[in-house]
Every structure is written in structure tokens, then in C-alpha cells.
PDB file of all heavy atoms in Angstrom:
ATOM      1  N   ALA A   1     -54.558  74.613-111.176  1.00  0.00           N
ATOM      2  CA  ALA A   1     -55.228  75.217-110.025  1.00  0.00           C
ATOM      3  C   ALA A   1     -55.841  76.543-110.452  1.00  0.00           C
ATOM      4  O   ALA A   1     -55.144  77.551-110.547  1.00  0.00           O
ATOM      5  CB  ALA A   1     -54.241  75.414-108.884  1.00  0.00           C
ATOM      6  N   VAL A   2     -57.131  76.537-110.726  1.00  0.00           N
ATOM      7  CA  VAL A   2     -57.833  77.745-111.146  1.00  0.00           C
ATOM      8  C   VAL A   2     -58.475  78.383-109.926  1.00  0.00           C
ATOM      9  O   VAL A   2     -59.155  77.719-109.146  1.00  0.00           O
ATOM     10  CB  VAL A   2     -58.924  77.403-112.185  1.00  0.00           C
ATOM     11  CG1 VAL A   2     -59.679  78.656-112.591  1.00  0.00           C
ATOM     12  CG2 VAL A   2     -58.304  76.747-113.400  1.00  0.00           C
ATOM     13  N   PRO A   3     -58.278  79.679-109.717  1.00  0.00           N
ATOM     14  CA  PRO A   3     -58.875  80.333-108.546  1.00  0.00           C
ATOM     15  C   PRO A   3     -60.393  80.209-108.551  1.00  0.00           C
ATOM     16  O   PRO A   3     -61.029  80.375-109.599  1.00  0.00           O
ATOM     17  CB  PRO A   3     -58.448  81.802-108.714  1.00  0.00           C
ATOM     18  CG  PRO A   3     -57.240  81.755-109.599  1.00  0.00           C
ATOM     19  CD  PRO A   3     -57.479  80.608-110.526  1.00  0.00           C
ATOM     20  N   ASP A   4     -60.972  79.888-107.385  1.00  0.00           N
ATOM     21  CA  ASP A   4     -62.420  79.885-107.281  1.00  0.00           C
ATOM     22  C   ASP A   4     -62.870  81.301-106.930  1.00  0.00           C
ATOM     23  O   ASP A   4     -62.060  82.223-106.845  1.00  0.00           O
ATOM     24  CB  ASP A   4     -62.897  78.859-106.242  1.00  0.00           C
ATOM     25  CG  ASP A   4     -62.254  79.082-104.872  1.00  0.00           C
ATOM     26  OD1 ASP A   4     -61.708  80.188-104.643  1.00  0.00           O
ATOM     27  OD2 ASP A   4     -62.278  78.157-104.046  1.00  0.00           O
ATOM     28  N   TRP A   5     -64.203  81.469-106.716  1.00  0.00           N
ATOM     29  CA  TRP A   5     -64.703  82.816-106.449  1.00  0.00           C
ATOM     30  C   TRP A   5     -64.198  83.363-105.123  1.00  0.00           C
ATOM     31  O   TRP A   5     -64.063  84.572-104.947  1.00  0.00           O
ATOM     32  CB  TRP A   5     -66.231  82.824-106.496  1.00  0.00           C
ATOM     33  CG  TRP A   5     -66.749  82.678-107.887  1.00  0.00           C
ATOM     34  CD1 TRP A   5     -67.394  81.614-108.427  1.00  0.00           C
ATOM     35  CD2 TRP A   5     -66.627  83.658-108.938  1.00  0.00           C
ATOM     36  NE1 TRP A   5     -67.684  81.848-109.757  1.00  0.00           N
ATOM     37  CE2 TRP A   5     -67.237  83.098-110.091  1.00  0.00           C
ATOM     38  CE3 TRP A   5     -66.080  84.928-109.019  1.00  0.00           C
ATOM     39  CZ2 TRP A   5     -67.303  83.771-111.305  1.00  0.00           C
ATOM     40  CZ3 TRP A   5     -66.139  85.616-110.228  1.00  0.00           C
ATOM     41  CH2 TRP A   5     -66.749  85.034-111.346  1.00  0.00           C
ATOM     42  N   THR A   6     -63.883  82.453-104.185  1.00  0.00           N
ATOM     43  CA  THR A   6     -63.294  82.904-102.922  1.00  0.00           C
ATOM     44  C   THR A   6     -61.913  83.509-103.166  1.00  0.00           C
ATOM     45  O   THR A   6     -61.546  84.537-102.590  1.00  0.00           O
ATOM     46  CB  THR A   6     -63.172  81.726-101.939  1.00  0.00           C
ATOM     47  OG1 THR A   6     -64.473  81.163-101.701  1.00  0.00           O
ATOM     48  CG2 THR A   6     -62.564  82.179-100.614  1.00  0.00           C
ATOM     49  N   GLY A   7     -61.145  82.863-104.062  1.00  0.00           N
ATOM     50  CA  GLY A   7     -59.837  83.380-104.416  1.00  0.00           C
ATOM     51  C   GLY A   7     -59.933  84.725-105.118  1.00  0.00           C
ATOM     52  O   GLY A   7     -59.119  85.625-104.888  1.00  0.00           O
ATOM     53  N   VAL A   8     -60.941  84.860-105.978  1.00  0.00           N
ATOM     54  CA  VAL A   8     -61.156  86.133-106.665  1.00  0.00           C
ATOM     55  C   VAL A   8     -61.457  87.229-105.651  1.00  0.00           C
ATOM     56  O   VAL A   8     -60.932  88.352-105.739  1.00  0.00           O
ATOM     57  CB  VAL A   8     -62.308  86.015-107.684  1.00  0.00           C
ATOM     58  CG1 VAL A   8     -62.641  87.382-108.266  1.00  0.00           C
ATOM     59  CG2 VAL A   8     -61.936  85.048-108.803  1.00  0.00           C
ATOM     60  N   ALA A   9     -62.315  86.904-104.678  1.00  0.00           N
ATOM     61  CA  ALA A   9     -62.656  87.880-103.642  1.00  0.00           C
ATOM     62  C   ALA A   9     -61.420  88.251-102.825  1.00  0.00           C
ATOM     63  O   ALA A   9     -61.218  89.418-102.471  1.00  0.00           O
ATOM     64  CB  ALA A   9     -63.746  87.319-102.734  1.00  0.00           C
ATOM     65  N   ALA A  10     -60.570  87.263-102.561  1.00  0.00           N
ATOM     66  CA  ALA A  10     -59.354  87.536-101.787  1.00  0.00           C
ATOM     67  C   ALA A  10     -58.415  88.464-102.542  1.00  0.00           C
ATOM     68  O   ALA A  10     -57.685  89.262-101.931  1.00  0.00           O
ATOM     69  CB  ALA A  10     -58.644  86.218-101.462  1.00  0.00           C
ATOM     70  N   SER A  11     -58.432  88.376-103.864  1.00  0.00           N
ATOM     71  CA  SER A  11     -57.543  89.230-104.658  1.00  0.00           C
ATOM     72  C   SER A  11     -57.929  90.698-104.563  1.00  0.00           C
ATOM     73  O   SER A  11     -57.159  91.579-104.962  1.00  0.00           O
ATOM     74  CB  SER A  11     -57.550  88.789-106.126  1.00  0.00           C
ATOM     75  OG  SER A  11     -58.805  89.035-106.737  1.00  0.00           O
ATOM     76  N   LEU A  12     -59.109  90.985-104.028  1.00  0.00           N
ATOM     77  CA  LEU A  12     -59.508  92.374-103.808  1.00  0.00           C
ATOM     78  C   LEU A  12     -58.567  93.078-102.830  1.00  0.00           C
ATOM     79  O   LEU A  12     -58.491  94.313-102.803  1.00  0.00           O
ATOM     80  CB  LEU A  12     -60.939  92.442-103.281  1.00  0.00           C
ATOM     81  CG  LEU A  12     -62.049  92.133-104.295  1.00  0.00           C
ATOM     82  CD1 LEU A  12     -63.394  92.069-103.595  1.00  0.00           C
ATOM     83  CD2 LEU A  12     -62.069  93.195-105.385  1.00  0.00           C
ATOM     84  N   LEU A  13     -57.844  92.293-102.030  1.00  0.00           N
ATOM     85  CA  LEU A  13     -56.863  92.883-101.119  1.00  0.00           C
ATOM     86  C   LEU A  13     -55.795  93.639-101.907  1.00  0.00           C
ATOM     87  O   LEU A  13     -55.260  94.653-101.446  1.00  0.00           O
ATOM     88  CB  LEU A  13     -56.216  91.792-100.265  1.00  0.00           C
ATOM     89  CG  LEU A  13     -57.116  91.122 -99.212  1.00  0.00           C
ATOM     90  CD1 LEU A  13     -56.383  89.963 -98.561  1.00  0.00           C
ATOM     91  CD2 LEU A  13     -57.556  92.145 -98.169  1.00  0.00           C
ATOM     92  N   LEU A  14     -55.482  93.153-103.095  1.00  0.00           N
ATOM     93  CA  LEU A  14     -54.482  93.811-103.930  1.00  0.00           C
ATOM     94  C   LEU A  14     -55.005  95.156-104.422  1.00  0.00           C
ATOM     95  O   LEU A  14     -54.258  96.133-104.521  1.00  0.00           O
ATOM     96  CB  LEU A  14     -54.117  92.914-105.118  1.00  0.00           C
ATOM     97  CG  LEU A  14     -53.549  91.536-104.739  1.00  0.00           C
ATOM     98  CD1 LEU A  14     -53.313  90.698-105.990  1.00  0.00           C
ATOM     99  CD2 LEU A  14     -52.259  91.689-103.945  1.00  0.00           C
ATOM    100  N   VAL A  15     -56.305  95.193-104.730  1.00  0.00           N
ATOM    101  CA  VAL A  15     -56.920  96.464-105.123  1.00  0.00           C
ATOM    102  C   VAL A  15     -56.892  97.434-103.948  1.00  0.00           C
ATOM    103  O   VAL A  15     -56.644  98.634-104.120  1.00  0.00           O
ATOM    104  CB  VAL A  15     -58.375  96.242-105.601  1.00  0.00           C
ATOM    105  CG1 VAL A  15     -59.037  97.576-105.940  1.00  0.00           C
ATOM    106  CG2 VAL A  15     -58.405  95.314-106.806  1.00  0.00           C
ATOM    107  N   ALA A  16     -57.143  96.893-102.745  1.00  0.00           N
ATOM    108  CA  ALA A  16     -57.115  97.732-101.547  1.00  0.00           C
ATOM    109  C   ALA A  16     -55.734  98.339-101.336  1.00  0.00           C
ATOM    110  O   ALA A  16     -55.610  99.503-100.927  1.00  0.00           O
ATOM    111  CB  ALA A  16     -57.529  96.912-100.327  1.00  0.00           C
ATOM    112  N   VAL A  17     -54.691  97.574-101.626  1.00  0.00           N
ATOM    113  CA  VAL A  17     -53.321  98.087-101.489  1.00  0.00           C
ATOM    114  C   VAL A  17     -53.101  99.261-102.436  1.00  0.00           C
ATOM    115  O   VAL A  17     -52.576 100.315-102.052  1.00  0.00           O
ATOM    116  CB  VAL A  17     -52.295  96.968-101.775  1.00  0.00           C
ATOM    117  CG1 VAL A  17     -50.887  97.563-101.863  1.00  0.00           C
ATOM    118  CG2 VAL A  17     -52.345  95.904-100.698  1.00  0.00           C
ATOM    119  N   ALA A  18     -53.520  99.077-103.701  1.00  0.00           N
ATOM    120  CA  ALA A  18     -53.363 100.144-104.694  1.00  0.00           C
ATOM    121  C   ALA A  18     -54.166 101.377-104.296  1.00  0.00           C
ATOM    122  O   ALA A  18     -53.696 102.518-104.411  1.00  0.00           O
ATOM    123  CB  ALA A  18     -53.803  99.649-106.070  1.00  0.00           C
ATOM    124  N   ALA A  19     -55.400 101.149-103.804  1.00  0.00           N
ATOM    125  CA  ALA A  19     -56.254 102.266-103.388  1.00  0.00           C
ATOM    126  C   ALA A  19     -55.658 102.992-102.192  1.00  0.00           C
ATOM    127  O   ALA A  19     -55.714 104.229-102.103  1.00  0.00           O
ATOM    128  CB  ALA A  19     -57.652 101.753-103.055  1.00  0.00           C
ATOM    129  N   LEU A  20     -55.082 102.242-101.263  1.00  0.00           N
ATOM    130  CA  LEU A  20     -54.479 102.846-100.081  1.00  0.00           C
ATOM    131  C   LEU A  20     -53.291 103.732-100.471  1.00  0.00           C
ATOM    132  O   LEU A  20     -53.126 104.840 -99.943  1.00  0.00           O
ATOM    133  CB  LEU A  20     -54.024 101.762 -99.107  1.00  0.00           C
ATOM    134  CG  LEU A  20     -53.367 102.259 -97.805  1.00  0.00           C
ATOM    135  CD1 LEU A  20     -54.346 103.113 -97.014  1.00  0.00           C
ATOM    136  CD2 LEU A  20     -52.886 101.078 -96.972  1.00  0.00           C
ATOM    137  N   ILE A  21     -52.483 103.241-101.390  1.00  0.00           N
ATOM    138  CA  ILE A  21     -51.343 104.031-101.857  1.00  0.00           C
ATOM    139  C   ILE A  21     -51.832 105.323-102.514  1.00  0.00           C
ATOM    140  O   ILE A  21     -51.300 106.409-102.254  1.00  0.00           O
ATOM    141  CB  ILE A  21     -50.497 103.212-102.856  1.00  0.00           C
ATOM    142  CG1 ILE A  21     -49.797 102.060-102.121  1.00  0.00           C
ATOM    143  CG2 ILE A  21     -49.474 104.111-103.559  1.00  0.00           C
ATOM    144  CD1 ILE A  21     -49.068 101.112-103.040  1.00  0.00           C
ATOM    145  N   ALA A  22     -52.844 105.205-103.363  1.00  0.00           N
ATOM    146  CA  ALA A  22     -53.386 106.384-104.047  1.00  0.00           C
ATOM    147  C   ALA A  22     -53.949 107.384-103.038  1.00  0.00           C
ATOM    148  O   ALA A  22     -53.781 108.608-103.194  1.00  0.00           O
ATOM    149  CB  ALA A  22     -54.468 105.966-105.038  1.00  0.00           C
ATOM    150  N   TYR A  23     -54.608 106.865-101.996  1.00  0.00           N
ATOM    151  CA  TYR A  23     -55.216 107.744-100.987  1.00  0.00           C
ATOM    152  C   TYR A  23     -54.153 108.426-100.132  1.00  0.00           C
ATOM    153  O   TYR A  23     -54.192 109.644 -99.932  1.00  0.00           O
ATOM    154  CB  TYR A  23     -56.158 106.939-100.104  1.00  0.00           C
ATOM    155  CG  TYR A  23     -56.768 107.741 -98.987  1.00  0.00           C
ATOM    156  CD1 TYR A  23     -57.790 108.655 -99.231  1.00  0.00           C
ATOM    157  CD2 TYR A  23     -56.304 107.589 -97.677  1.00  0.00           C
ATOM    158  CE1 TYR A  23     -58.343 109.406 -98.193  1.00  0.00           C
ATOM    159  CE2 TYR A  23     -56.848 108.330 -96.638  1.00  0.00           C
ATOM    160  CZ  TYR A  23     -57.870 109.239 -96.904  1.00  0.00           C
ATOM    161  OH  TYR A  23     -58.396 109.969 -95.882  1.00  0.00           O
ATOM    162  N   ARG A  24     -53.176 107.636 -99.642  1.00  0.00           N
ATOM    163  CA  ARG A  24     -52.159 108.192 -98.757  1.00  0.00           C
ATOM    164  C   ARG A  24     -51.254 109.193 -99.480  1.00  0.00           C
ATOM    165  O   ARG A  24     -50.770 110.139 -98.872  1.00  0.00           O
ATOM    166  CB  ARG A  24     -51.313 107.055 -98.166  1.00  0.00           C
ATOM    167  CG  ARG A  24     -52.077 106.143 -97.217  1.00  0.00           C
ATOM    168  CD  ARG A  24     -52.502 106.885 -95.958  1.00  0.00           C
ATOM    169  NE  ARG A  24     -51.368 107.359 -95.191  1.00  0.00           N
ATOM    170  CZ  ARG A  24     -50.720 106.658 -94.276  1.00  0.00           C
ATOM    171  NH1 ARG A  24     -51.144 105.417 -93.998  1.00  0.00           N
ATOM    172  NH2 ARG A  24     -49.704 107.159 -93.612  1.00  0.00           N
ATOM    173  N   GLN A  25     -51.047 108.967-100.763  1.00  0.00           N
ATOM    174  CA  GLN A  25     -50.195 109.869-101.539  1.00  0.00           C
ATOM    175  C   GLN A  25     -50.988 111.034-102.148  1.00  0.00           C
ATOM    176  O   GLN A  25     -50.426 111.845-102.877  1.00  0.00           O
ATOM    177  CB  GLN A  25     -49.493 109.089-102.658  1.00  0.00           C
ATOM    178  CG  GLN A  25     -48.535 108.032-102.164  1.00  0.00           C
ATOM    179  CD  GLN A  25     -47.408 108.609-101.335  1.00  0.00           C
ATOM    180  OE1 GLN A  25     -46.820 109.631-101.695  1.00  0.00           O
ATOM    181  NE2 GLN A  25     -47.113 107.974-100.197  1.00  0.00           N
ATOM    182  N   ARG A  26     -52.283 111.080-101.845  1.00  0.00           N
ATOM    183  CA  ARG A  26     -53.160 112.153-102.328  1.00  0.00           C
ATOM    184  C   ARG A  26     -53.093 112.321-103.846  1.00  0.00           C
ATOM    185  O   ARG A  26     -52.929 113.419-104.364  1.00  0.00           O
ATOM    186  CB  ARG A  26     -52.794 113.477-101.635  1.00  0.00           C
ATOM    187  CG  ARG A  26     -52.945 113.414-100.116  1.00  0.00           C
ATOM    188  CD  ARG A  26     -52.600 114.738 -99.485  1.00  0.00           C
ATOM    189  NE  ARG A  26     -52.737 114.659 -98.007  1.00  0.00           N
ATOM    190  CZ  ARG A  26     -52.473 115.664 -97.185  1.00  0.00           C
ATOM    191  NH1 ARG A  26     -52.067 116.837 -97.688  1.00  0.00           N
ATOM    192  NH2 ARG A  26     -52.620 115.511 -95.886  1.00  0.00           N
ATOM    193  N   LEU A  27     -53.227 111.190-104.535  1.00  0.00           N
ATOM    194  CA  LEU A  27     -53.147 111.211-105.998  1.00  0.00           C
ATOM    195  C   LEU A  27     -54.472 111.610-106.650  1.00  0.00           C
ATOM    196  O   LEU A  27     -54.532 111.838-107.848  1.00  0.00           O
ATOM    197  CB  LEU A  27     -52.731 109.824-106.512  1.00  0.00           C
ATOM    198  CG  LEU A  27     -51.400 109.283-105.970  1.00  0.00           C
ATOM    199  CD1 LEU A  27     -51.107 107.922-106.590  1.00  0.00           C
ATOM    200  CD2 LEU A  27     -50.272 110.261-106.232  1.00  0.00           C
ATOM    201  N   ARG A  28     -55.535 111.641-105.853  1.00  0.00           N
ATOM    202  CA  ARG A  28     -56.863 112.018-106.330  1.00  0.00           C
ATOM    203  C   ARG A  28     -57.391 111.072-107.415  1.00  0.00           C
ATOM    204  O   ARG A  28     -58.103 111.485-108.321  1.00  0.00           O
ATOM    205  CB  ARG A  28     -56.865 113.457-106.857  1.00  0.00           C
ATOM    206  CG  ARG A  28     -56.509 114.488-105.803  1.00  0.00           C
ATOM    207  CD  ARG A  28     -56.565 115.904-106.360  1.00  0.00           C
ATOM    208  NE  ARG A  28     -56.218 116.896-105.338  1.00  0.00           N
ATOM    209  CZ  ARG A  28     -56.175 118.212-105.568  1.00  0.00           C
ATOM    210  NH1 ARG A  28     -56.443 118.678-106.772  1.00  0.00           N
ATOM    211  NH2 ARG A  28     -55.851 119.035-104.596  1.00  0.00           N
ATOM    212  N   VAL A  29     -56.992 109.811-107.324  1.00  0.00           N
ATOM    213  CA  VAL A  29     -57.517 108.811-108.268  1.00  0.00           C
ATOM    214  C   VAL A  29     -58.081 107.596-107.525  1.00  0.00           C
ATOM    215  O   VAL A  29     -58.369 106.582-108.137  1.00  0.00           O
ATOM    216  CB  VAL A  29     -56.417 108.344-109.250  1.00  0.00           C
ATOM    217  CG1 VAL A  29     -55.975 109.484-110.141  1.00  0.00           C
ATOM    218  CG2 VAL A  29     -55.230 107.736-108.506  1.00  0.00           C
ATOM    219  N   THR A  30     -58.233 107.716-106.200  1.00  0.00           N
ATOM    220  CA  THR A  30     -58.696 106.574-105.411  1.00  0.00           C
ATOM    221  C   THR A  30     -60.080 106.114-105.853  1.00  0.00           C
ATOM    222  O   THR A  30     -60.310 104.920-106.086  1.00  0.00           O
ATOM    223  CB  THR A  30     -58.734 106.926-103.912  1.00  0.00           C
ATOM    224  OG1 THR A  30     -57.447 107.434-103.513  1.00  0.00           O
ATOM    225  CG2 THR A  30     -59.066 105.697-103.086  1.00  0.00           C
ATOM    226  N   ARG A  31     -60.986 107.071-105.985  1.00  0.00           N
ATOM    227  CA  ARG A  31     -62.347 106.730-106.395  1.00  0.00           C
ATOM    228  C   ARG A  31     -62.346 106.126-107.801  1.00  0.00           C
ATOM    229  O   ARG A  31     -63.002 105.109-108.055  1.00  0.00           O
ATOM    230  CB  ARG A  31     -63.228 107.980-106.363  1.00  0.00           C
ATOM    231  CG  ARG A  31     -64.666 107.739-106.810  1.00  0.00           C
ATOM    232  CD  ARG A  31     -65.450 109.056-106.855  1.00  0.00           C
ATOM    233  NE  ARG A  31     -66.790 108.856-107.349  1.00  0.00           N
ATOM    234  CZ  ARG A  31     -67.820 108.507-106.608  1.00  0.00           C
ATOM    235  NH1 ARG A  31     -67.659 108.327-105.319  1.00  0.00           N
ATOM    236  NH2 ARG A  31     -69.014 108.357-107.140  1.00  0.00           N
ATOM    237  N   GLU A  32     -61.587 106.727-108.686  1.00  0.00           N
ATOM    238  CA  GLU A  32     -61.513 106.229-110.065  1.00  0.00           C
ATOM    239  C   GLU A  32     -60.930 104.818-110.104  1.00  0.00           C
ATOM    240  O   GLU A  32     -61.377 103.966-110.870  1.00  0.00           O
ATOM    241  CB  GLU A  32     -60.649 107.173-110.909  1.00  0.00           C
ATOM    242  CG  GLU A  32     -60.587 106.809-112.381  1.00  0.00           C
ATOM    243  CD  GLU A  32     -59.770 107.803-113.184  1.00  0.00           C
ATOM    244  OE1 GLU A  32     -59.323 108.812-112.602  1.00  0.00           O
ATOM    245  OE2 GLU A  32     -59.580 107.572-114.386  1.00  0.00           O
ATOM    246  N   LEU A  33     -59.933 104.577-109.257  1.00  0.00           N
ATOM    247  CA  LEU A  33     -59.320 103.255-109.188  1.00  0.00           C
ATOM    248  C   LEU A  33     -60.310 102.197-108.733  1.00  0.00           C
ATOM    249  O   LEU A  33     -60.407 101.113-109.315  1.00  0.00           O
ATOM    250  CB  LEU A  33     -58.111 103.310-108.248  1.00  0.00           C
ATOM    251  CG  LEU A  33     -57.193 102.089-108.168  1.00  0.00           C
ATOM    252  CD1 LEU A  33     -55.789 102.536-107.762  1.00  0.00           C
ATOM    253  CD2 LEU A  33     -57.709 101.064-107.160  1.00  0.00           C
ATOM    254  N   LEU A  34     -61.074 102.512-107.693  1.00  0.00           N
ATOM    255  CA  LEU A  34     -62.049 101.557-107.160  1.00  0.00           C
ATOM    256  C   LEU A  34     -63.178 101.305-108.168  1.00  0.00           C
ATOM    257  O   LEU A  34     -63.621 100.165-108.335  1.00  0.00           O
ATOM    258  CB  LEU A  34     -62.628 102.080-105.848  1.00  0.00           C
ATOM    259  CG  LEU A  34     -61.632 102.161-104.674  1.00  0.00           C
ATOM    260  CD1 LEU A  34     -62.274 102.833-103.470  1.00  0.00           C
ATOM    261  CD2 LEU A  34     -61.129 100.768-104.313  1.00  0.00           C
TER     262      LEU A  34
END
């Protein structure tokens, strides 16, 4: 089962989680992470 492009797009939610943590904790790396 290989992820299709829809699955790849859905995995962006994981990036959003990491970005949210960086933003809420004021790590000043949110932009760099994205």
C-alpha cells in the first residue's frame, strides 16, 4: 500500500502539528520549519 498524492497531502497535518508546537512554545523556528 503506497500512499497516493492525497495521502501525501494528508500527511501535511503532521507538519501542522510540529509547527503549532513550535509556535505555541515560542521557539522562533515556525517559519523555518514550514
